[in-house]
Protein backbone atom coordinates (compact mmCIF):
# COMPACT_ATOMS: atom_id res chain seq x y z
CA MET A 1 154.11 146.32 -162.02
CA HIS A 2 153.82 144.64 -165.43
CA ALA A 3 155.79 141.66 -164.00
CA ILE A 4 153.58 141.11 -160.99
CA ALA A 5 150.75 141.03 -163.24
CA ALA A 6 152.19 138.59 -165.99
CA GLY A 7 152.61 136.76 -163.24
CA ARG A 8 149.78 136.97 -161.43
CA GLN A 9 147.67 135.79 -164.28
CA HIS A 10 149.67 133.23 -165.00
CA THR A 11 149.45 131.84 -161.44
CA ARG A 12 145.13 132.31 -161.73
CA VAL A 13 146.05 130.43 -165.18
CA ARG A 14 147.72 127.11 -163.21
CA LEU A 15 144.72 127.62 -160.84
CA ASP A 16 142.43 126.79 -163.05
CA ARG A 17 144.11 123.61 -164.84
CA PRO A 18 146.89 122.23 -162.61
CA SER A 19 148.75 119.90 -164.74
CA PRO A 20 151.28 117.74 -162.37
CA LYS A 21 154.32 118.56 -164.04
CA ALA A 22 153.29 122.60 -162.79
CA LYS A 23 152.61 120.90 -159.55
CA ALA A 24 155.67 119.93 -159.22
CA LYS A 25 157.38 122.65 -160.03
CA THR A 26 155.47 124.93 -157.58
CA ALA A 27 156.45 123.22 -154.33
CA ASN A 28 155.13 126.60 -152.37
CA PRO A 29 153.31 125.81 -148.84
CA PHE A 30 150.92 129.31 -149.55
CA THR A 31 149.19 127.83 -152.39
CA PRO A 32 146.62 125.90 -149.82
CA PRO A 33 145.98 127.89 -147.65
CA LEU A 34 145.86 131.30 -149.36
CA ARG A 35 143.08 129.95 -151.87
CA SER A 36 140.96 129.10 -148.90
CA PRO A 37 138.31 131.31 -148.91
CA ARG A 38 138.43 131.85 -144.44
CA ARG A 39 142.43 132.48 -145.11
CA VAL A 40 141.60 134.84 -147.99
CA PHE A 41 139.39 136.95 -146.26
CA ALA A 42 141.64 137.15 -142.71
CA VAL A 43 144.06 138.37 -145.14
CA SER A 44 141.57 141.37 -146.68
CA TYR A 45 140.37 142.07 -142.62
CA GLU A 46 144.80 142.51 -142.02
CA LEU A 47 144.84 144.78 -145.27
CA ASN A 48 141.29 146.42 -144.32
CA ARG A 49 142.68 147.05 -140.14
CA ALA A 50 145.67 148.68 -141.52
CA ARG A 51 144.00 150.99 -144.19
CA THR A 52 141.76 152.10 -141.28
CA ALA A 53 144.30 152.53 -138.59
CA VAL A 54 147.08 154.33 -141.32
CA ALA A 55 144.05 156.23 -141.71
CA SER A 56 143.52 157.23 -138.29
CA HIS A 57 146.51 157.84 -137.37
CA ARG A 58 146.67 160.43 -140.49
CA LEU A 59 143.46 162.22 -139.28
CA VAL A 60 144.96 162.54 -135.45
CA LEU A 61 148.14 164.31 -136.93
CA ILE A 62 146.09 166.45 -139.02
CA ILE A 63 144.33 167.70 -136.28
CA LEU A 64 146.77 167.96 -134.02
CA LYS A 65 148.40 170.40 -135.96
């Protein structure tokens, strides 16, 4: 848990002040699409859809019991 939080914080700092060395180190194809607001919205939308699907599924199970 702590390692994940530290990693997130590190990437946030790097995005704020990108140095050429850090940029060269992280040749990550996922960074540009994730940074765009449309991509972020799509991800959050998918997460919410999955959550509502799980919630409705649980409701159905409870009703069927």
